[in-house]
């Protein structure tokens, strides 16, 4: 049995920085539009401007992350592209209210 003791608090920089550097140097965050591999792309919707993040957002992003990683492991050229606002009308209403509060017509 090992006598290794875990620290009482988690220090993300100690653990995550080396992994991030490894992923960055391996090209894990890039795609090649000229690749001969079959592309796999997901458009990532941004969070709504009208509210805070909730479990639905967490589920959506988790599933998208899983699909991108799975297809990358299968050798496909993957791209998880940040997208455009998918709640345009709601966003417009929030912005119009903010402008009205500032006295801007």
PDB file of N, CA and C in Angstrom:
ATOM      1  N   UNK A   1       0.831  -1.178   0.000  1.00  0.00           N
ATOM      2  CA  UNK A   1       0.000   0.000   0.000  1.00  0.00           C
ATOM      3  C   UNK A   1       0.880   1.247   0.000  1.00  0.00           C
ATOM      4  N   UNK A   2       0.463   2.262  -0.694  1.00  0.00           N
ATOM      5  CA  UNK A   2       1.236   3.489  -0.834  1.00  0.00           C
ATOM      6  C   UNK A   2       1.031   4.421   0.356  1.00  0.00           C
ATOM      7  N   UNK A   3       2.088   5.147   0.700  1.00  0.00           N
ATOM      8  CA  UNK A   3       1.999   6.141   1.771  1.00  0.00           C
ATOM      9  C   UNK A   3       1.817   7.552   1.212  1.00  0.00           C
ATOM     10  N   UNK A   4       1.489   7.670  -0.055  1.00  0.00           N
ATOM     11  CA  UNK A   4       1.297   8.982  -0.672  1.00  0.00           C
ATOM     12  C   UNK A   4       0.138   9.703  -0.005  1.00  0.00           C
ATOM     13  N   UNK A   5       0.387  10.956   0.383  1.00  0.00           N
ATOM     14  CA  UNK A   5      -0.664  11.744   1.021  1.00  0.00           C
ATOM     15  C   UNK A   5      -1.103  12.855   0.074  1.00  0.00           C
ATOM     16  N   UNK A   6      -2.389  13.012  -0.033  1.00  0.00           N
ATOM     17  CA  UNK A   6      -2.938  14.080  -0.852  1.00  0.00           C
ATOM     18  C   UNK A   6      -2.935  15.381  -0.066  1.00  0.00           C
ATOM     19  N   UNK A   7      -2.704  16.499  -0.747  1.00  0.00           N
ATOM     20  CA  UNK A   7      -2.778  17.778  -0.039  1.00  0.00           C
ATOM     21  C   UNK A   7      -4.206  18.042   0.434  1.00  0.00           C
ATOM     22  N   UNK A   8      -4.331  18.863   1.467  1.00  0.00           N
ATOM     23  CA  UNK A   8      -5.658  19.153   2.018  1.00  0.00           C
ATOM     24  C   UNK A   8      -6.494  20.011   1.079  1.00  0.00           C
ATOM     25  N   UNK A   9      -5.842  20.820   0.265  1.00  0.00           N
ATOM     26  CA  UNK A   9      -6.570  21.656  -0.698  1.00  0.00           C
ATOM     27  C   UNK A   9      -6.062  21.370  -2.102  1.00  0.00           C
ATOM     28  N   UNK A  10      -6.947  21.544  -3.062  1.00  0.00           N
ATOM     29  CA  UNK A  10      -6.614  21.300  -4.466  1.00  0.00           C
ATOM     30  C   UNK A  10      -6.027  22.564  -5.071  1.00  0.00           C
ATOM     31  N   UNK A  11      -4.871  22.443  -5.674  1.00  0.00           N
ATOM     32  CA  UNK A  11      -4.229  23.564  -6.359  1.00  0.00           C
ATOM     33  C   UNK A  11      -4.308  23.297  -7.856  1.00  0.00           C
ATOM     34  N   UNK A  12      -5.295  23.906  -8.545  1.00  0.00           N
ATOM     35  CA  UNK A  12      -5.496  23.590  -9.957  1.00  0.00           C
ATOM     36  C   UNK A  12      -4.282  23.894 -10.831  1.00  0.00           C
ATOM     37  N   UNK A  13      -3.528  24.940 -10.525  1.00  0.00           N
ATOM     38  CA  UNK A  13      -2.365  25.276 -11.352  1.00  0.00           C
ATOM     39  C   UNK A  13      -1.332  24.156 -11.351  1.00  0.00           C
ATOM     40  N   UNK A  14      -1.111  23.563 -10.211  1.00  0.00           N
ATOM     41  CA  UNK A  14      -0.126  22.485 -10.105  1.00  0.00           C
ATOM     42  C   UNK A  14      -0.518  21.292 -10.966  1.00  0.00           C
ATOM     43  N   UNK A  15      -1.784  20.970 -10.970  1.00  0.00           N
ATOM     44  CA  UNK A  15      -2.264  19.792 -11.684  1.00  0.00           C
ATOM     45  C   UNK A  15      -2.570  20.096 -13.147  1.00  0.00           C
ATOM     46  N   UNK A  16      -3.270  21.195 -13.401  1.00  0.00           N
ATOM     47  CA  UNK A  16      -3.801  21.444 -14.739  1.00  0.00           C
ATOM     48  C   UNK A  16      -2.805  22.077 -15.709  1.00  0.00           C
ATOM     49  N   UNK A  17      -1.888  22.900 -15.231  1.00  0.00           N
ATOM     50  CA  UNK A  17      -0.962  23.591 -16.132  1.00  0.00           C
ATOM     51  C   UNK A  17      -0.133  22.621 -16.984  1.00  0.00           C
ATOM     52  N   UNK A  18       0.471  21.579 -16.404  1.00  0.00           N
ATOM     53  CA  UNK A  18       1.234  20.650 -17.248  1.00  0.00           C
ATOM     54  C   UNK A  18       0.356  19.934 -18.279  1.00  0.00           C
ATOM     55  N   UNK A  19      -0.862  19.585 -17.891  1.00  0.00           N
ATOM     56  CA  UNK A  19      -1.761  18.923 -18.836  1.00  0.00           C
ATOM     57  C   UNK A  19      -2.145  19.875 -19.962  1.00  0.00           C
ATOM     58  N   UNK A  20      -2.463  21.112 -19.624  1.00  0.00           N
ATOM     59  CA  UNK A  20      -2.842  22.083 -20.649  1.00  0.00           C
ATOM     60  C   UNK A  20      -1.689  22.290 -21.624  1.00  0.00           C
ATOM     61  N   UNK A  21      -0.465  22.416 -21.113  1.00  0.00           N
ATOM     62  CA  UNK A  21       0.707  22.571 -21.985  1.00  0.00           C
ATOM     63  C   UNK A  21       0.847  21.376 -22.922  1.00  0.00           C
ATOM     64  N   UNK A  22       0.625  20.191 -22.396  1.00  0.00           N
ATOM     65  CA  UNK A  22       0.723  18.973 -23.217  1.00  0.00           C
ATOM     66  C   UNK A  22      -0.336  18.976 -24.320  1.00  0.00           C
ATOM     67  N   UNK A  23      -1.577  19.330 -23.953  1.00  0.00           N
ATOM     68  CA  UNK A  23      -2.651  19.372 -24.949  1.00  0.00           C
ATOM     69  C   UNK A  23      -2.370  20.439 -26.003  1.00  0.00           C
ATOM     70  N   UNK A  24      -1.897  21.593 -25.565  1.00  0.00           N
ATOM     71  CA  UNK A  24      -1.599  22.691 -26.489  1.00  0.00           C
ATOM     72  C   UNK A  24      -0.510  22.276 -27.478  1.00  0.00           C
ATOM     73  N   UNK A  25       0.569  21.677 -26.980  1.00  0.00           N
ATOM     74  CA  UNK A  25       1.671  21.289 -27.867  1.00  0.00           C
ATOM     75  C   UNK A  25       1.296  20.130 -28.792  1.00  0.00           C
ATOM     76  N   UNK A  26       0.302  19.340 -28.413  1.00  0.00           N
ATOM     77  CA  UNK A  26      -0.116  18.217 -29.258  1.00  0.00           C
ATOM     78  C   UNK A  26      -1.073  18.643 -30.371  1.00  0.00           C
ATOM     79  N   UNK A  27      -1.536  19.901 -30.311  1.00  0.00           N
ATOM     80  CA  UNK A  27      -2.484  20.370 -31.321  1.00  0.00           C
ATOM     81  C   UNK A  27      -3.921  19.997 -31.012  1.00  0.00           C
ATOM     82  N   UNK A  28      -4.203  19.633 -29.773  1.00  0.00           N
ATOM     83  CA  UNK A  28      -5.553  19.187 -29.406  1.00  0.00           C
ATOM     84  C   UNK A  28      -6.608  20.270 -29.579  1.00  0.00           C
ATOM     85  N   UNK A  29      -6.197  21.535 -29.575  1.00  0.00           N
ATOM     86  CA  UNK A  29      -7.168  22.624 -29.666  1.00  0.00           C
ATOM     87  C   UNK A  29      -7.241  23.237 -31.056  1.00  0.00           C
ATOM     88  N   UNK A  30      -6.655  22.582 -32.029  1.00  0.00           N
ATOM     89  CA  UNK A  30      -6.650  23.165 -33.376  1.00  0.00           C
ATOM     90  C   UNK A  30      -7.277  22.205 -34.379  1.00  0.00           C
ATOM     91  N   UNK A  31      -7.723  22.772 -35.465  1.00  0.00           N
ATOM     92  CA  UNK A  31      -8.239  21.959 -36.566  1.00  0.00           C
ATOM     93  C   UNK A  31      -7.556  22.423 -37.842  1.00  0.00           C
ATOM     94  N   UNK A  32      -7.607  21.591 -38.853  1.00  0.00           N
ATOM     95  CA  UNK A  32      -6.947  21.893 -40.120  1.00  0.00           C
ATOM     96  C   UNK A  32      -7.970  21.823 -41.242  1.00  0.00           C
ATOM     97  N   UNK A  33      -8.345  22.972 -41.806  1.00  0.00           N
ATOM     98  CA  UNK A  33      -9.345  22.943 -42.878  1.00  0.00           C
ATOM     99  C   UNK A  33      -8.884  22.171 -44.115  1.00  0.00           C
ATOM    100  N   UNK A  34      -7.573  21.954 -44.238  1.00  0.00           N
ATOM    101  CA  UNK A  34      -7.041  21.217 -45.387  1.00  0.00           C
ATOM    102  C   UNK A  34      -6.776  19.748 -45.064  1.00  0.00           C
ATOM    103  N   UNK A  35      -7.198  19.302 -43.895  1.00  0.00           N
ATOM    104  CA  UNK A  35      -6.957  17.925 -43.476  1.00  0.00           C
ATOM    105  C   UNK A  35      -7.682  16.938 -44.389  1.00  0.00           C
ATOM    106  N   UNK A  36      -7.050  15.788 -44.590  1.00  0.00           N
ATOM    107  CA  UNK A  36      -7.676  14.716 -45.372  1.00  0.00           C
ATOM    108  C   UNK A  36      -8.656  13.917 -44.520  1.00  0.00           C
ATOM    109  N   UNK A  37      -8.611  14.127 -43.208  1.00  0.00           N
ATOM    110  CA  UNK A  37      -9.511  13.414 -42.299  1.00  0.00           C
ATOM    111  C   UNK A  37     -10.934  13.956 -42.426  1.00  0.00           C
ATOM    112  N   UNK A  38     -11.891  13.112 -42.082  1.00  0.00           N
ATOM    113  CA  UNK A  38     -13.294  13.525 -42.103  1.00  0.00           C
ATOM    114  C   UNK A  38     -13.522  14.550 -40.998  1.00  0.00           C
ATOM    115  N   UNK A  39     -14.049  15.724 -41.332  1.00  0.00           N
ATOM    116  CA  UNK A  39     -14.264  16.734 -40.290  1.00  0.00           C
ATOM    117  C   UNK A  39     -15.443  16.391 -39.385  1.00  0.00           C
ATOM    118  N   UNK A  40     -15.352  16.853 -38.154  1.00  0.00           N
ATOM    119  CA  UNK A  40     -16.453  16.741 -37.198  1.00  0.00           C
ATOM    120  C   UNK A  40     -16.518  18.079 -36.470  1.00  0.00           C
ATOM    121  N   UNK A  41     -17.618  18.794 -36.645  1.00  0.00           N
ATOM    122  CA  UNK A  41     -17.744  20.144 -36.106  1.00  0.00           C
ATOM    123  C   UNK A  41     -19.025  20.290 -35.302  1.00  0.00           C
ATOM    124  N   UNK A  42     -18.930  20.983 -34.186  1.00  0.00           N
ATOM    125  CA  UNK A  42     -20.098  21.359 -33.394  1.00  0.00           C
ATOM    126  C   UNK A  42     -20.037  22.866 -33.186  1.00  0.00           C
ATOM    127  N   UNK A  43     -21.140  23.545 -33.450  1.00  0.00           N
ATOM    128  CA  UNK A  43     -21.234  24.977 -33.184  1.00  0.00           C
ATOM    129  C   UNK A  43     -21.663  25.159 -31.732  1.00  0.00           C
ATOM    130  N   UNK A  44     -20.837  25.831 -30.960  1.00  0.00           N
ATOM    131  CA  UNK A  44     -21.079  26.036 -29.534  1.00  0.00           C
ATOM    132  C   UNK A  44     -21.912  27.300 -29.322  1.00  0.00           C
ATOM    133  N   UNK A  45     -23.146  27.161 -28.857  1.00  0.00           N
ATOM    134  CA  UNK A  45     -23.928  28.374 -28.603  1.00  0.00           C
ATOM    135  C   UNK A  45     -23.434  29.066 -27.336  1.00  0.00           C
ATOM    136  N   UNK A  46     -23.417  30.402 -27.349  1.00  0.00           N
ATOM    137  CA  UNK A  46     -23.031  31.109 -26.129  1.00  0.00           C
ATOM    138  C   UNK A  46     -24.171  31.071 -25.117  1.00  0.00           C
ATOM    139  N   UNK A  47     -23.866  31.333 -23.849  1.00  0.00           N
ATOM    140  CA  UNK A  47     -24.949  31.386 -22.868  1.00  0.00           C
ATOM    141  C   UNK A  47     -25.868  32.572 -23.143  1.00  0.00           C
ATOM    142  N   UNK A  48     -27.094  32.447 -22.731  1.00  0.00           N
ATOM    143  CA  UNK A  48     -28.048  33.539 -22.906  1.00  0.00           C
ATOM    144  C   UNK A  48     -27.631  34.746 -22.081  1.00  0.00           C
ATOM    145  N   UNK A  49     -27.846  35.928 -22.652  1.00  0.00           N
ATOM    146  CA  UNK A  49     -27.550  37.161 -21.939  1.00  0.00           C
ATOM    147  C   UNK A  49     -28.601  37.430 -20.864  1.00  0.00           C
ATOM    148  N   UNK A  50     -29.721  36.717 -20.934  1.00  0.00           N
ATOM    149  CA  UNK A  50     -30.850  37.008 -20.050  1.00  0.00           C
ATOM    150  C   UNK A  50     -30.771  36.355 -18.680  1.00  0.00           C
ATOM    151  N   UNK A  51     -29.813  35.497 -18.448  1.00  0.00           N
ATOM    152  CA  UNK A  51     -29.795  34.827 -17.149  1.00  0.00           C
ATOM    153  C   UNK A  51     -28.457  34.188 -16.844  1.00  0.00           C
ATOM    154  N   UNK A  52     -28.392  33.546 -15.704  1.00  0.00           N
ATOM    155  CA  UNK A  52     -27.165  32.886 -15.287  1.00  0.00           C
ATOM    156  C   UNK A  52     -27.118  31.468 -15.853  1.00  0.00           C
ATOM    157  N   UNK A  53     -25.936  30.903 -15.790  1.00  0.00           N
ATOM    158  CA  UNK A  53     -25.777  29.530 -16.258  1.00  0.00           C
ATOM    159  C   UNK A  53     -26.536  28.582 -15.337  1.00  0.00           C
ATOM    160  N   UNK A  54     -27.046  27.499 -15.911  1.00  0.00           N
ATOM    161  CA  UNK A  54     -27.789  26.525 -15.126  1.00  0.00           C
ATOM    162  C   UNK A  54     -27.379  25.122 -15.554  1.00  0.00           C
ATOM    163  N   UNK A  55     -27.982  24.118 -14.970  1.00  0.00           N
ATOM    164  CA  UNK A  55     -27.607  22.730 -15.241  1.00  0.00           C
ATOM    165  C   UNK A  55     -27.805  22.345 -16.703  1.00  0.00           C
ATOM    166  N   UNK A  56     -28.769  22.951 -17.369  1.00  0.00           N
ATOM    167  CA  UNK A  56     -28.967  22.679 -18.791  1.00  0.00           C
ATOM    168  C   UNK A  56     -27.760  23.086 -19.614  1.00  0.00           C
ATOM    169  N   UNK A  57     -27.159  24.246 -19.275  1.00  0.00           N
ATOM    170  CA  UNK A  57     -25.938  24.671 -19.956  1.00  0.00           C
ATOM    171  C   UNK A  57     -24.816  23.671 -19.684  1.00  0.00           C
ATOM    172  N   UNK A  58     -24.674  23.270 -18.421  1.00  0.00           N
ATOM    173  CA  UNK A  58     -23.618  22.324 -18.060  1.00  0.00           C
ATOM    174  C   UNK A  58     -23.778  21.013 -18.823  1.00  0.00           C
ATOM    175  N   UNK A  59     -24.998  20.523 -18.919  1.00  0.00           N
ATOM    176  CA  UNK A  59     -25.249  19.278 -19.644  1.00  0.00           C
ATOM    177  C   UNK A  59     -24.910  19.435 -21.126  1.00  0.00           C
ATOM    178  N   UNK A  60     -25.369  20.512 -21.730  1.00  0.00           N
ATOM    179  CA  UNK A  60     -25.122  20.741 -23.156  1.00  0.00           C
ATOM    180  C   UNK A  60     -23.630  20.800 -23.458  1.00  0.00           C
ATOM    181  N   UNK A  61     -22.895  21.594 -22.676  1.00  0.00           N
ATOM    182  CA  UNK A  61     -21.462  21.731 -22.934  1.00  0.00           C
ATOM    183  C   UNK A  61     -20.707  20.440 -22.626  1.00  0.00           C
ATOM    184  N   UNK A  62     -21.144  19.699 -21.626  1.00  0.00           N
ATOM    185  CA  UNK A  62     -20.509  18.420 -21.311  1.00  0.00           C
ATOM    186  C   UNK A  62     -20.688  17.430 -22.456  1.00  0.00           C
ATOM    187  N   UNK A  63     -21.898  17.336 -22.984  1.00  0.00           N
ATOM    188  CA  UNK A  63     -22.150  16.413 -24.098  1.00  0.00           C
ATOM    189  C   UNK A  63     -21.374  16.823 -25.341  1.00  0.00           C
ATOM    190  N   UNK A  64     -21.324  18.123 -25.622  1.00  0.00           N
ATOM    191  CA  UNK A  64     -20.564  18.580 -26.784  1.00  0.00           C
ATOM    192  C   UNK A  64     -19.080  18.281 -26.610  1.00  0.00           C
ATOM    193  N   UNK A  65     -18.548  18.523 -25.419  1.00  0.00           N
ATOM    194  CA  UNK A  65     -17.146  18.242 -25.137  1.00  0.00           C
ATOM    195  C   UNK A  65     -16.853  16.756 -25.323  1.00  0.00           C
ATOM    196  N   UNK A  66     -17.736  15.913 -24.814  1.00  0.00           N
ATOM    197  CA  UNK A  66     -17.582  14.467 -24.951  1.00  0.00           C
ATOM    198  C   UNK A  66     -17.548  14.056 -26.427  1.00  0.00           C
ATOM    199  N   UNK A  67     -18.470  14.579 -27.223  1.00  0.00           N
ATOM    200  CA  UNK A  67     -18.533  14.217 -28.642  1.00  0.00           C
ATOM    201  C   UNK A  67     -17.294  14.684 -29.406  1.00  0.00           C
ATOM    202  N   UNK A  68     -16.828  15.890 -29.116  1.00  0.00           N
ATOM    203  CA  UNK A  68     -15.625  16.392 -29.783  1.00  0.00           C
ATOM    204  C   UNK A  68     -14.422  15.530 -29.418  1.00  0.00           C
ATOM    205  N   UNK A  69     -14.244  15.246 -28.132  1.00  0.00           N
ATOM    206  CA  UNK A  69     -13.093  14.437 -27.705  1.00  0.00           C
ATOM    207  C   UNK A  69     -13.159  13.020 -28.276  1.00  0.00           C
ATOM    208  N   UNK A  70     -14.339  12.422 -28.265  1.00  0.00           N
ATOM    209  CA  UNK A  70     -14.508  11.069 -28.798  1.00  0.00           C
ATOM    210  C   UNK A  70     -14.135  11.026 -30.278  1.00  0.00           C
ATOM    211  N   UNK A  71     -14.620  11.988 -31.040  1.00  0.00           N
ATOM    212  CA  UNK A  71     -14.317  11.997 -32.469  1.00  0.00           C
ATOM    213  C   UNK A  71     -12.859  12.343 -32.744  1.00  0.00           C
ATOM    214  N   UNK A  72     -12.247  13.163 -31.902  1.00  0.00           N
ATOM    215  CA  UNK A  72     -10.816  13.447 -32.052  1.00  0.00           C
ATOM    216  C   UNK A  72     -10.017  12.168 -31.800  1.00  0.00           C
ATOM    217  N   UNK A  73     -10.404  11.392 -30.776  1.00  0.00           N
ATOM    218  CA  UNK A  73      -9.703  10.132 -30.489  1.00  0.00           C
ATOM    219  C   UNK A  73      -9.847   9.144 -31.640  1.00  0.00           C
ATOM    220  N   UNK A  74     -10.936   9.241 -32.391  1.00  0.00           N
ATOM    221  CA  UNK A  74     -11.157   8.357 -33.539  1.00  0.00           C
ATOM    222  C   UNK A  74     -10.402   8.830 -34.782  1.00  0.00           C
ATOM    223  N   UNK A  75      -9.668   9.943 -34.657  1.00  0.00           N
ATOM    224  CA  UNK A  75      -8.839  10.408 -35.754  1.00  0.00           C
ATOM    225  C   UNK A  75      -9.471  11.465 -36.641  1.00  0.00           C
ATOM    226  N   UNK A  76     -10.671  11.885 -36.317  1.00  0.00           N
ATOM    227  CA  UNK A  76     -11.326  12.897 -37.146  1.00  0.00           C
ATOM    228  C   UNK A  76     -10.767  14.278 -36.827  1.00  0.00           C
ATOM    229  N   UNK A  77     -10.827  15.160 -37.807  1.00  0.00           N
ATOM    230  CA  UNK A  77     -10.402  16.544 -37.623  1.00  0.00           C
ATOM    231  C   UNK A  77     -11.568  17.292 -36.980  1.00  0.00           C
ATOM    232  N   UNK A  78     -11.430  17.652 -35.705  1.00  0.00           N
ATOM    233  CA  UNK A  78     -12.558  18.208 -34.962  1.00  0.00           C
ATOM    234  C   UNK A  78     -12.426  19.711 -34.762  1.00  0.00           C
ATOM    235  N   UNK A  79     -13.572  20.360 -34.675  1.00  0.00           N
ATOM    236  CA  UNK A  79     -13.634  21.789 -34.375  1.00  0.00           C
ATOM    237  C   UNK A  79     -14.856  22.042 -33.511  1.00  0.00           C
ATOM    238  N   UNK A  80     -14.616  22.621 -32.338  1.00  0.00           N
ATOM    239  CA  UNK A  80     -15.710  23.028 -31.450  1.00  0.00           C
ATOM    240  C   UNK A  80     -15.740  24.541 -31.534  1.00  0.00           C
ATOM    241  N   UNK A  81     -16.550  25.048 -32.414  1.00  0.00           N
ATOM    242  CA  UNK A  81     -16.550  26.458 -32.805  1.00  0.00           C
ATOM    243  C   UNK A  81     -17.501  27.287 -31.946  1.00  0.00           C
ATOM    244  N   UNK A  82     -16.981  28.292 -31.221  1.00  0.00           N
ATOM    245  CA  UNK A  82     -17.903  29.200 -30.530  1.00  0.00           C
ATOM    246  C   UNK A  82     -18.823  29.862 -31.549  1.00  0.00           C
ATOM    247  N   UNK A  83     -20.099  29.893 -31.232  1.00  0.00           N
ATOM    248  CA  UNK A  83     -21.085  30.351 -32.203  1.00  0.00           C
ATOM    249  C   UNK A  83     -21.646  31.720 -31.927  1.00  0.00           C
ATOM    250  N   UNK A  84     -22.707  31.993 -32.617  1.00  0.00           N
ATOM    251  CA  UNK A  84     -23.411  33.259 -32.499  1.00  0.00           C
ATOM    252  C   UNK A  84     -24.509  33.134 -31.455  1.00  0.00           C
ATOM    253  N   UNK A  85     -25.038  34.274 -31.043  1.00  0.00           N
ATOM    254  CA  UNK A  85     -26.106  34.298 -30.053  1.00  0.00           C
ATOM    255  C   UNK A  85     -27.324  33.575 -30.602  1.00  0.00           C
ATOM    256  N   UNK A  86     -27.795  32.581 -29.866  1.00  0.00           N
ATOM    257  CA  UNK A  86     -28.949  31.807 -30.303  1.00  0.00           C
ATOM    258  C   UNK A  86     -30.245  32.326 -29.683  1.00  0.00           C
ATOM    259  N   UNK A  87     -30.147  33.434 -28.969  1.00  0.00           N
ATOM    260  CA  UNK A  87     -31.332  33.995 -28.317  1.00  0.00           C
ATOM    261  C   UNK A  87     -31.454  35.467 -28.689  1.00  0.00           C
ATOM    262  N   UNK A  88     -31.434  35.741 -29.967  1.00  0.00           N
ATOM    263  CA  UNK A  88     -31.385  37.115 -30.458  1.00  0.00           C
ATOM    264  C   UNK A  88     -32.496  38.006 -29.947  1.00  0.00           C
ATOM    265  N   UNK A  89     -33.725  37.516 -29.923  1.00  0.00           N
ATOM    266  CA  UNK A  89     -34.850  38.340 -29.483  1.00  0.00           C
ATOM    267  C   UNK A  89     -34.718  38.660 -27.998  1.00  0.00           C
ATOM    268  N   UNK A  90     -34.380  37.663 -27.205  1.00  0.00           N
ATOM    269  CA  UNK A  90     -34.207  37.892 -25.769  1.00  0.00           C
ATOM    270  C   UNK A  90     -33.051  38.854 -25.516  1.00  0.00           C
ATOM    271  N   UNK A  91     -31.973  38.699 -26.262  1.00  0.00           N
ATOM    272  CA  UNK A  91     -30.830  39.598 -26.122  1.00  0.00           C
ATOM    273  C   UNK A  91     -31.235  41.020 -26.464  1.00  0.00           C
ATOM    274  N   UNK A  92     -31.966  41.179 -27.552  1.00  0.00           N
ATOM    275  CA  UNK A  92     -32.418  42.505 -27.964  1.00  0.00           C
ATOM    276  C   UNK A  92     -33.262  43.156 -26.866  1.00  0.00           C
ATOM    277  N   UNK A  93     -34.137  42.384 -26.247  1.00  0.00           N
ATOM    278  CA  UNK A  93     -34.991  42.926 -25.181  1.00  0.00           C
ATOM    279  C   UNK A  93     -34.159  43.404 -23.993  1.00  0.00           C
ATOM    280  N   UNK A  94     -33.153  42.633 -23.608  1.00  0.00           N
ATOM    281  CA  UNK A  94     -32.300  43.018 -22.485  1.00  0.00           C
ATOM    282  C   UNK A  94     -31.539  44.295 -22.814  1.00  0.00           C
ATOM    283  N   UNK A  95     -30.970  44.354 -24.008  1.00  0.00           N
ATOM    284  CA  UNK A  95     -30.212  45.543 -24.414  1.00  0.00           C
ATOM    285  C   UNK A  95     -31.124  46.761 -24.475  1.00  0.00           C
ATOM    286  N   UNK A  96     -32.322  46.604 -25.025  1.00  0.00           N
ATOM    287  CA  UNK A  96     -33.259  47.729 -25.097  1.00  0.00           C
ATOM    288  C   UNK A  96     -33.636  48.219 -23.705  1.00  0.00           C
ATOM    289  N   UNK A  97     -33.831  47.314 -22.758  1.00  0.00           N
ATOM    290  CA  UNK A  97     -34.140  47.715 -21.376  1.00  0.00           C
ATOM    291  C   UNK A  97     -32.973  48.478 -20.757  1.00  0.00           C
ATOM    292  N   UNK A  98     -31.760  47.977 -20.999  1.00  0.00           N
ATOM    293  CA  UNK A  98     -30.581  48.652 -20.452  1.00  0.00           C
ATOM    294  C   UNK A  98     -30.436  50.053 -21.042  1.00  0.00           C
ATOM    295  N   UNK A  99     -30.672  50.182 -22.342  1.00  0.00           N
ATOM    296  CA  UNK A  99     -30.605  51.501 -22.979  1.00  0.00           C
ATOM    297  C   UNK A  99     -31.680  52.426 -22.429  1.00  0.00           C
ATOM    298  N   UNK A 100     -32.886  51.897 -22.238  1.00  0.00           N
ATOM    299  CA  UNK A 100     -33.981  52.705 -21.686  1.00  0.00           C
ATOM    300  C   UNK A 100     -33.637  53.166 -20.273  1.00  0.00           C
ATOM    301  N   UNK A 101     -33.026  52.297 -19.473  1.00  0.00           N
ATOM    302  CA  UNK A 101     -32.622  52.670 -18.114  1.00  0.00           C
ATOM    303  C   UNK A 101     -31.591  53.796 -18.122  1.00  0.00           C
ATOM    304  N   UNK A 102     -30.803  53.859 -19.190  1.00  0.00           N
ATOM    305  CA  UNK A 102     -29.787  54.904 -19.324  1.00  0.00           C
ATOM    306  C   UNK A 102     -30.336  56.149 -20.022  1.00  0.00           C
ATOM    307  N   UNK A 103     -31.619  56.103 -20.385  1.00  0.00           N
ATOM    308  CA  UNK A 103     -32.241  57.237 -21.060  1.00  0.00           C
ATOM    309  C   UNK A 103     -31.877  57.345 -22.531  1.00  0.00           C
ATOM    310  N   UNK A 104     -31.413  56.255 -23.093  1.00  0.00           N
ATOM    311  CA  UNK A 104     -31.044  56.227 -24.513  1.00  0.00           C
ATOM    312  C   UNK A 104     -32.188  55.604 -25.285  1.00  0.00           C
ATOM    313  N   UNK A 105     -32.639  56.307 -26.319  1.00  0.00           N
ATOM    314  CA  UNK A 105     -33.780  55.823 -27.099  1.00  0.00           C
ATOM    315  C   UNK A 105     -33.317  55.063 -28.320  1.00  0.00           C
TER     316      UNK A 105
END
